[in-house]
C-alpha atoms as a PDB file:
ATOM      1  CA  UNK A   1     112.104  76.031 115.420  1.00  0.00           C
ATOM      2  CA  UNK A   2     111.266  74.841 118.920  1.00  0.00           C
ATOM      3  CA  UNK A   3     114.170  75.259 121.312  1.00  0.00           C
ATOM      4  CA  UNK A   4     113.032  72.289 123.426  1.00  0.00           C
ATOM      5  CA  UNK A   5     111.589  69.102 121.957  1.00  0.00           C
ATOM      6  CA  UNK A   6     109.572  66.573 123.955  1.00  0.00           C
ATOM      7  CA  UNK A   7     108.945  62.924 123.137  1.00  0.00           C
ATOM      8  CA  UNK A   8     106.153  61.994 125.578  1.00  0.00           C
ATOM      9  CA  UNK A   9     105.750  58.581 127.157  1.00  0.00           C
ATOM     10  CA  UNK A  10     106.370  56.708 130.368  1.00  0.00           C
ATOM     11  CA  UNK A  11     109.994  57.625 129.684  1.00  0.00           C
ATOM     12  CA  UNK A  12     109.852  61.096 128.170  1.00  0.00           C
ATOM     13  CA  UNK A  13     112.811  62.489 126.260  1.00  0.00           C
ATOM     14  CA  UNK A  14     113.462  66.232 126.552  1.00  0.00           C
ATOM     15  CA  UNK A  15     115.899  67.507 123.917  1.00  0.00           C
ATOM     16  CA  UNK A  16     117.635  70.892 123.927  1.00  0.00           C
ATOM     17  CA  UNK A  17     117.254  71.900 120.301  1.00  0.00           C
ATOM     18  CA  UNK A  18     119.750  74.610 119.356  1.00  0.00           C
ATOM     19  CA  UNK A  19     122.384  72.403 117.687  1.00  0.00           C
ATOM     20  CA  UNK A  20     123.811  75.306 115.685  1.00  0.00           C
ATOM     21  CA  UNK A  21     124.781  76.952 119.013  1.00  0.00           C
ATOM     22  CA  UNK A  22     125.802  73.710 120.778  1.00  0.00           C
ATOM     23  CA  UNK A  23     122.476  74.022 122.625  1.00  0.00           C
ATOM     24  CA  UNK A  24     123.555  77.190 124.433  1.00  0.00           C
ATOM     25  CA  UNK A  25     120.999  78.379 126.972  1.00  0.00           C
ATOM     26  CA  UNK A  26     119.407  81.535 125.643  1.00  0.00           C
ATOM     27  CA  UNK A  27     116.336  83.093 127.231  1.00  0.00           C
ATOM     28  CA  UNK A  28     113.869  81.424 124.887  1.00  0.00           C
ATOM     29  CA  UNK A  29     115.238  77.933 125.489  1.00  0.00           C
ATOM     30  CA  UNK A  30     115.235  78.419 129.263  1.00  0.00           C
ATOM     31  CA  UNK A  31     111.642  79.649 129.297  1.00  0.00           C
ATOM     32  CA  UNK A  32     110.595  76.624 127.226  1.00  0.00           C
ATOM     33  CA  UNK A  33     112.523  74.268 129.494  1.00  0.00           C
ATOM     34  CA  UNK A  34     110.758  75.624 132.568  1.00  0.00           C
ATOM     35  CA  UNK A  35     107.346  75.276 130.913  1.00  0.00           C
ATOM     36  CA  UNK A  36     108.098  71.721 129.813  1.00  0.00           C
ATOM     37  CA  UNK A  37     109.168  70.498 133.245  1.00  0.00           C
ATOM     38  CA  UNK A  38     106.285  72.176 135.031  1.00  0.00           C
ATOM     39  CA  UNK A  39     103.768  70.389 132.806  1.00  0.00           C
ATOM     40  CA  UNK A  40     105.536  67.103 132.003  1.00  0.00           C
ATOM     41  CA  UNK A  41     103.876  63.872 133.107  1.00  0.00           C
ATOM     42  CA  UNK A  42     106.113  60.817 132.940  1.00  0.00           C
ATOM     43  CA  UNK A  43     107.496  57.999 135.046  1.00  0.00           C
ATOM     44  CA  UNK A  44     111.043  59.034 134.155  1.00  0.00           C
ATOM     45  CA  UNK A  45     112.667  61.726 132.016  1.00  0.00           C
ATOM     46  CA  UNK A  46     115.793  61.752 129.863  1.00  0.00           C
ATOM     47  CA  UNK A  47     117.380  65.133 129.113  1.00  0.00           C
ATOM     48  CA  UNK A  48     119.671  65.339 126.094  1.00  0.00           C
ATOM     49  CA  UNK A  49     120.935  67.715 123.425  1.00  0.00           C
ATOM     50  CA  UNK A  50     120.430  67.782 119.670  1.00  0.00           C
ATOM     51  CA  UNK A  51     123.459  67.527 117.399  1.00  0.00           C
ATOM     52  CA  UNK A  52     126.998  67.067 118.681  1.00  0.00           C
ATOM     53  CA  UNK A  53     126.724  68.532 122.191  1.00  0.00           C
ATOM     54  CA  UNK A  54     124.615  68.221 125.322  1.00  0.00           C
ATOM     55  CA  UNK A  55     124.883  71.906 126.222  1.00  0.00           C
ATOM     56  CA  UNK A  56     127.660  74.496 126.043  1.00  0.00           C
ATOM     57  CA  UNK A  57     126.240  76.623 128.868  1.00  0.00           C
ATOM     58  CA  UNK A  58     124.663  80.070 128.869  1.00  0.00           C
ATOM     59  CA  UNK A  59     124.541  81.838 125.510  1.00  0.00           C
ATOM     60  CA  UNK A  60     127.416  84.299 125.956  1.00  0.00           C
ATOM     61  CA  UNK A  61     126.672  86.015 122.642  1.00  0.00           C
ATOM     62  CA  UNK A  62     123.220  86.893 123.960  1.00  0.00           C
ATOM     63  CA  UNK A  63     124.642  87.894 127.334  1.00  0.00           C
ATOM     64  CA  UNK A  64     127.288  90.113 125.724  1.00  0.00           C
ATOM     65  CA  UNK A  65     124.483  92.472 124.635  1.00  0.00           C
ATOM     66  CA  UNK A  66     122.893  92.649 128.089  1.00  0.00           C
ATOM     67  CA  UNK A  67     123.151  95.349 130.721  1.00  0.00           C
ATOM     68  CA  UNK A  68     123.900  94.243 134.268  1.00  0.00           C
ATOM     69  CA  UNK A  69     120.168  94.374 135.023  1.00  0.00           C
ATOM     70  CA  UNK A  70     119.460  92.339 131.892  1.00  0.00           C
ATOM     71  CA  UNK A  71     122.030  89.771 133.007  1.00  0.00           C
ATOM     72  CA  UNK A  72     120.310  89.493 136.397  1.00  0.00           C
ATOM     73  CA  UNK A  73     116.923  89.010 134.752  1.00  0.00           C
ATOM     74  CA  UNK A  74     118.323  86.338 132.426  1.00  0.00           C
ATOM     75  CA  UNK A  75     119.977  84.513 135.326  1.00  0.00           C
ATOM     76  CA  UNK A  76     116.681  84.484 137.207  1.00  0.00           C
ATOM     77  CA  UNK A  77     115.095  82.740 134.201  1.00  0.00           C
ATOM     78  CA  UNK A  78     117.963  80.213 134.196  1.00  0.00           C
ATOM     79  CA  UNK A  79     117.602  79.421 137.895  1.00  0.00           C
ATOM     80  CA  UNK A  80     113.832  78.960 137.543  1.00  0.00           C
ATOM     81  CA  UNK A  81     114.349  76.523 134.671  1.00  0.00           C
ATOM     82  CA  UNK A  82     116.964  74.527 136.578  1.00  0.00           C
ATOM     83  CA  UNK A  83     114.750  74.500 139.674  1.00  0.00           C
ATOM     84  CA  UNK A  84     111.926  73.043 137.583  1.00  0.00           C
ATOM     85  CA  UNK A  85     114.278  70.231 136.532  1.00  0.00           C
ATOM     86  CA  UNK A  86     115.420  69.598 140.122  1.00  0.00           C
ATOM     87  CA  UNK A  87     111.832  69.573 141.410  1.00  0.00           C
ATOM     88  CA  UNK A  88     110.570  67.158 138.760  1.00  0.00           C
ATOM     89  CA  UNK A  89     108.442  64.475 140.407  1.00  0.00           C
ATOM     90  CA  UNK A  90     109.798  61.993 137.877  1.00  0.00           C
ATOM     91  CA  UNK A  91     113.432  60.821 138.145  1.00  0.00           C
ATOM     92  CA  UNK A  92     115.646  62.545 135.594  1.00  0.00           C
ATOM     93  CA  UNK A  93     118.666  61.225 133.688  1.00  0.00           C
ATOM     94  CA  UNK A  94     121.020  63.438 131.678  1.00  0.00           C
ATOM     95  CA  UNK A  95     122.398  61.791 128.503  1.00  0.00           C
ATOM     96  CA  UNK A  96     125.652  63.558 127.619  1.00  0.00           C
ATOM     97  CA  UNK A  97     127.349  63.415 124.235  1.00  0.00           C
ATOM     98  CA  UNK A  98     129.994  66.009 123.384  1.00  0.00           C
ATOM     99  CA  UNK A  99     130.228  69.146 125.495  1.00  0.00           C
ATOM    100  CA  UNK A 100     128.465  69.634 128.840  1.00  0.00           C
ATOM    101  CA  UNK A 101     130.241  72.662 130.233  1.00  0.00           C
ATOM    102  CA  UNK A 102     129.461  75.644 132.496  1.00  0.00           C
ATOM    103  CA  UNK A 103     125.666  75.969 132.765  1.00  0.00           C
ATOM    104  CA  UNK A 104     125.379  72.855 130.599  1.00  0.00           C
ATOM    105  CA  UNK A 105     127.162  70.760 133.218  1.00  0.00           C
ATOM    106  CA  UNK A 106     125.109  72.419 135.967  1.00  0.00           C
ATOM    107  CA  UNK A 107     121.964  71.423 134.060  1.00  0.00           C
ATOM    108  CA  UNK A 108     123.205  67.826 133.996  1.00  0.00           C
ATOM    109  CA  UNK A 109     123.919  68.048 137.738  1.00  0.00           C
ATOM    110  CA  UNK A 110     120.336  69.250 138.263  1.00  0.00           C
ATOM    111  CA  UNK A 111     119.252  65.818 137.006  1.00  0.00           C
ATOM    112  CA  UNK A 112     119.238  62.836 139.358  1.00  0.00           C
ATOM    113  CA  UNK A 113     121.668  60.738 137.320  1.00  0.00           C
ATOM    114  CA  UNK A 114     124.140  61.291 134.487  1.00  0.00           C
ATOM    115  CA  UNK A 115     125.089  58.945 131.641  1.00  0.00           C
ATOM    116  CA  UNK A 116     128.033  60.224 129.599  1.00  0.00           C
ATOM    117  CA  UNK A 117     129.816  59.012 126.471  1.00  0.00           C
ATOM    118  CA  UNK A 118     133.491  58.167 127.010  1.00  0.00           C
ATOM    119  CA  UNK A 119     134.584  61.092 124.820  1.00  0.00           C
ATOM    120  CA  UNK A 120     132.255  63.642 126.446  1.00  0.00           C
ATOM    121  CA  UNK A 121     133.824  66.848 127.778  1.00  0.00           C
ATOM    122  CA  UNK A 122     132.539  68.182 131.111  1.00  0.00           C
ATOM    123  CA  UNK A 123     133.620  71.170 133.153  1.00  0.00           C
ATOM    124  CA  UNK A 124     132.885  74.405 134.990  1.00  0.00           C
ATOM    125  CA  UNK A 125     135.144  76.935 133.188  1.00  0.00           C
ATOM    126  CA  UNK A 126     133.338  80.087 134.324  1.00  0.00           C
ATOM    127  CA  UNK A 127     136.323  81.664 136.096  1.00  0.00           C
ATOM    128  CA  UNK A 128     138.166  81.817 132.763  1.00  0.00           C
ATOM    129  CA  UNK A 129     135.491  84.321 131.681  1.00  0.00           C
ATOM    130  CA  UNK A 130     135.473  86.401 134.840  1.00  0.00           C
ATOM    131  CA  UNK A 131     132.462  84.722 136.422  1.00  0.00           C
ATOM    132  CA  UNK A 132     131.754  81.627 138.549  1.00  0.00           C
ATOM    133  CA  UNK A 133     129.203  78.810 138.584  1.00  0.00           C
ATOM    134  CA  UNK A 134     125.891  80.310 139.682  1.00  0.00           C
ATOM    135  CA  UNK A 135     123.268  77.609 139.128  1.00  0.00           C
ATOM    136  CA  UNK A 136     124.148  75.063 141.788  1.00  0.00           C
ATOM    137  CA  UNK A 137     127.528  73.834 140.560  1.00  0.00           C
ATOM    138  CA  UNK A 138     129.471  74.796 143.663  1.00  0.00           C
ATOM    139  CA  UNK A 139     126.949  73.043 145.901  1.00  0.00           C
ATOM    140  CA  UNK A 140     125.904  69.888 144.054  1.00  0.00           C
ATOM    141  CA  UNK A 141     129.260  68.703 142.749  1.00  0.00           C
ATOM    142  CA  UNK A 142     131.015  68.221 146.124  1.00  0.00           C
ATOM    143  CA  UNK A 143     128.168  66.142 147.573  1.00  0.00           C
ATOM    144  CA  UNK A 144     128.094  63.894 144.498  1.00  0.00           C
ATOM    145  CA  UNK A 145     131.767  63.072 144.983  1.00  0.00           C
ATOM    146  CA  UNK A 146     131.576  62.534 148.745  1.00  0.00           C
ATOM    147  CA  UNK A 147     128.737  60.074 149.205  1.00  0.00           C
ATOM    148  CA  UNK A 148     130.441  56.885 148.012  1.00  0.00           C
ATOM    149  CA  UNK A 149     133.621  57.381 150.025  1.00  0.00           C
ATOM    150  CA  UNK A 150     132.065  58.712 153.233  1.00  0.00           C
ATOM    151  CA  UNK A 151     129.208  56.207 153.436  1.00  0.00           C
ATOM    152  CA  UNK A 152     131.436  53.165 152.795  1.00  0.00           C
ATOM    153  CA  UNK A 153     134.425  54.328 154.873  1.00  0.00           C
ATOM    154  CA  UNK A 154     136.842  52.469 152.589  1.00  0.00           C
ATOM    155  CA  UNK A 155     140.395  53.435 151.642  1.00  0.00           C
ATOM    156  CA  UNK A 156     141.306  54.237 148.054  1.00  0.00           C
ATOM    157  CA  UNK A 157     144.439  54.757 145.996  1.00  0.00           C
ATOM    158  CA  UNK A 158     145.504  57.836 144.035  1.00  0.00           C
ATOM    159  CA  UNK A 159     144.219  56.625 140.599  1.00  0.00           C
ATOM    160  CA  UNK A 160     140.737  56.106 142.030  1.00  0.00           C
ATOM    161  CA  UNK A 161     140.933  59.456 143.792  1.00  0.00           C
ATOM    162  CA  UNK A 162     141.656  61.011 140.395  1.00  0.00           C
ATOM    163  CA  UNK A 163     138.661  59.250 138.867  1.00  0.00           C
ATOM    164  CA  UNK A 164     136.471  60.716 141.617  1.00  0.00           C
ATOM    165  CA  UNK A 165     137.885  64.181 141.014  1.00  0.00           C
ATOM    166  CA  UNK A 166     139.494  64.298 144.444  1.00  0.00           C
ATOM    167  CA  UNK A 167     142.981  64.384 142.918  1.00  0.00           C
ATOM    168  CA  UNK A 168     143.259  67.108 140.303  1.00  0.00           C
ATOM    169  CA  UNK A 169     146.376  65.681 138.614  1.00  0.00           C
ATOM    170  CA  UNK A 170     148.021  62.239 138.788  1.00  0.00           C
ATOM    171  CA  UNK A 171     151.806  62.368 138.235  1.00  0.00           C
ATOM    172  CA  UNK A 172     154.868  60.163 138.449  1.00  0.00           C
ATOM    173  CA  UNK A 173     156.526  59.826 141.860  1.00  0.00           C
ATOM    174  CA  UNK A 174     158.758  62.815 142.547  1.00  0.00           C
ATOM    175  CA  UNK A 175     156.787  65.160 140.236  1.00  0.00           C
ATOM    176  CA  UNK A 176     154.038  66.305 142.607  1.00  0.00           C
ATOM    177  CA  UNK A 177     155.609  69.653 143.528  1.00  0.00           C
ATOM    178  CA  UNK A 178     156.360  70.566 139.917  1.00  0.00           C
ATOM    179  CA  UNK A 179     152.812  69.784 138.764  1.00  0.00           C
ATOM    180  CA  UNK A 180     151.245  71.517 141.783  1.00  0.00           C
ATOM    181  CA  UNK A 181     153.167  74.697 140.939  1.00  0.00           C
ATOM    182  CA  UNK A 182     151.989  74.519 137.311  1.00  0.00           C
ATOM    183  CA  UNK A 183     148.382  74.046 138.442  1.00  0.00           C
ATOM    184  CA  UNK A 184     148.621  76.993 140.837  1.00  0.00           C
ATOM    185  CA  UNK A 185     150.037  79.137 138.013  1.00  0.00           C
ATOM    186  CA  UNK A 186     147.055  78.232 135.814  1.00  0.00           C
ATOM    187  CA  UNK A 187     144.630  79.244 138.563  1.00  0.00           C
ATOM    188  CA  UNK A 188     146.514  82.489 139.146  1.00  0.00           C
ATOM    189  CA  UNK A 189     146.000  83.407 135.488  1.00  0.00           C
ATOM    190  CA  UNK A 190     142.211  83.484 135.850  1.00  0.00           C
ATOM    191  CA  UNK A 191     140.067  86.412 137.018  1.00  0.00           C
ATOM    192  CA  UNK A 192     141.126  86.943 140.654  1.00  0.00           C
ATOM    193  CA  UNK A 193     137.800  88.168 142.061  1.00  0.00           C
ATOM    194  CA  UNK A 194     135.866  85.388 140.331  1.00  0.00           C
ATOM    195  CA  UNK A 195     138.289  82.760 141.626  1.00  0.00           C
ATOM    196  CA  UNK A 196     138.052  84.041 145.211  1.00  0.00           C
ATOM    197  CA  UNK A 197     134.253  84.224 145.039  1.00  0.00           C
ATOM    198  CA  UNK A 198     134.046  80.677 143.658  1.00  0.00           C
ATOM    199  CA  UNK A 199     136.369  79.386 146.399  1.00  0.00           C
ATOM    200  CA  UNK A 200     134.247  81.024 149.122  1.00  0.00           C
ATOM    201  CA  UNK A 201     131.069  79.507 147.678  1.00  0.00           C
ATOM    202  CA  UNK A 202     132.589  76.034 147.291  1.00  0.00           C
ATOM    203  CA  UNK A 203     133.905  76.153 150.852  1.00  0.00           C
ATOM    204  CA  UNK A 204     130.444  77.084 152.133  1.00  0.00           C
ATOM    205  CA  UNK A 205     131.623  80.441 153.470  1.00  0.00           C
ATOM    206  CA  UNK A 206     129.337  82.457 151.192  1.00  0.00           C
ATOM    207  CA  UNK A 207     126.024  81.483 149.589  1.00  0.00           C
ATOM    208  CA  UNK A 208     126.537  80.674 145.922  1.00  0.00           C
ATOM    209  CA  UNK A 209     124.099  83.228 144.556  1.00  0.00           C
ATOM    210  CA  UNK A 210     125.625  86.089 146.552  1.00  0.00           C
ATOM    211  CA  UNK A 211     129.105  85.112 145.415  1.00  0.00           C
ATOM    212  CA  UNK A 212     127.867  84.839 141.833  1.00  0.00           C
ATOM    213  CA  UNK A 213     126.481  88.385 141.810  1.00  0.00           C
ATOM    214  CA  UNK A 214     129.682  89.699 143.370  1.00  0.00           C
ATOM    215  CA  UNK A 215     131.550  88.246 140.392  1.00  0.00           C
ATOM    216  CA  UNK A 216     129.024  89.601 137.884  1.00  0.00           C
ATOM    217  CA  UNK A 217     129.562  93.160 139.073  1.00  0.00           C
ATOM    218  CA  UNK A 218     133.215  93.295 137.983  1.00  0.00           C
ATOM    219  CA  UNK A 219     135.158  94.636 135.036  1.00  0.00           C
ATOM    220  CA  UNK A 220     136.803  91.204 134.737  1.00  0.00           C
ATOM    221  CA  UNK A 221     133.397  89.678 133.930  1.00  0.00           C
ATOM    222  CA  UNK A 222     132.808  92.260 131.203  1.00  0.00           C
ATOM    223  CA  UNK A 223     136.306  91.668 129.816  1.00  0.00           C
ATOM    224  CA  UNK A 224     135.775  87.903 129.887  1.00  0.00           C
ATOM    225  CA  UNK A 225     132.593  88.122 127.817  1.00  0.00           C
ATOM    226  CA  UNK A 226     134.130  90.654 125.386  1.00  0.00           C
ATOM    227  CA  UNK A 227     137.095  88.350 124.885  1.00  0.00           C
ATOM    228  CA  UNK A 228     134.810  85.389 124.205  1.00  0.00           C
ATOM    229  CA  UNK A 229     132.832  87.288 121.567  1.00  0.00           C
ATOM    230  CA  UNK A 230     136.027  88.678 119.997  1.00  0.00           C
ATOM    231  CA  UNK A 231     137.680  85.231 120.053  1.00  0.00           C
ATOM    232  CA  UNK A 232     140.752  86.267 122.045  1.00  0.00           C
ATOM    233  CA  UNK A 233     142.296  85.568 125.412  1.00  0.00           C
ATOM    234  CA  UNK A 234     140.942  87.800 128.207  1.00  0.00           C
ATOM    235  CA  UNK A 235     143.164  90.241 130.077  1.00  0.00           C
ATOM    236  CA  UNK A 236     142.056  90.264 133.712  1.00  0.00           C
ATOM    237  CA  UNK A 237     143.178  92.999 136.111  1.00  0.00           C
ATOM    238  CA  UNK A 238     141.359  91.932 139.265  1.00  0.00           C
ATOM    239  CA  UNK A 239     138.671  94.631 139.223  1.00  0.00           C
END
């Protein structure tokens, strides 16, 4: 079965076709995706996923069997595929139904525009597995959120700030401190080195790829992947 399907035309439709794995990005799919975008001729391109999800991110079951060198080689394939999407001469639109998380959300962000169903689930949960976004997520997401507000110079209220992702939680008056403490506790429960690396990359104090590899080379990353495969909560120790 082809891992990437193409419906050619002025508007071509590129479909990730691993529905049994929620279109997780294994090596074969990524290699096909790169080939497709390097050869595709269209006036516009829609990227979508077969089945119930857009894309659940990198295939962690495949990655669980990889050595550190194998992981690096796989990530290089992923970055080449995403770069091919970003460099497409034709405008690209991601059509999201269901999950678009981790590398799946980064793939959507590699497209020019995103259309999402109201019940779609999006996110960058990498730090809960001892890693961090490593395919552009820390760089693209902030600029997407900033353009409207900076270029218009307008004021906005807290509900709109939440819709833009600028406010992480919207609470009743008088509850801000309580909710902020709960949010900080949730962050503190994730892999410490991955969280710090992600923060440095998001803040622009360390290039994303360097921060990503710093997180890969940790026991927390290995524990995060083991826990995913074994269907249990990870136990991070900060190493």
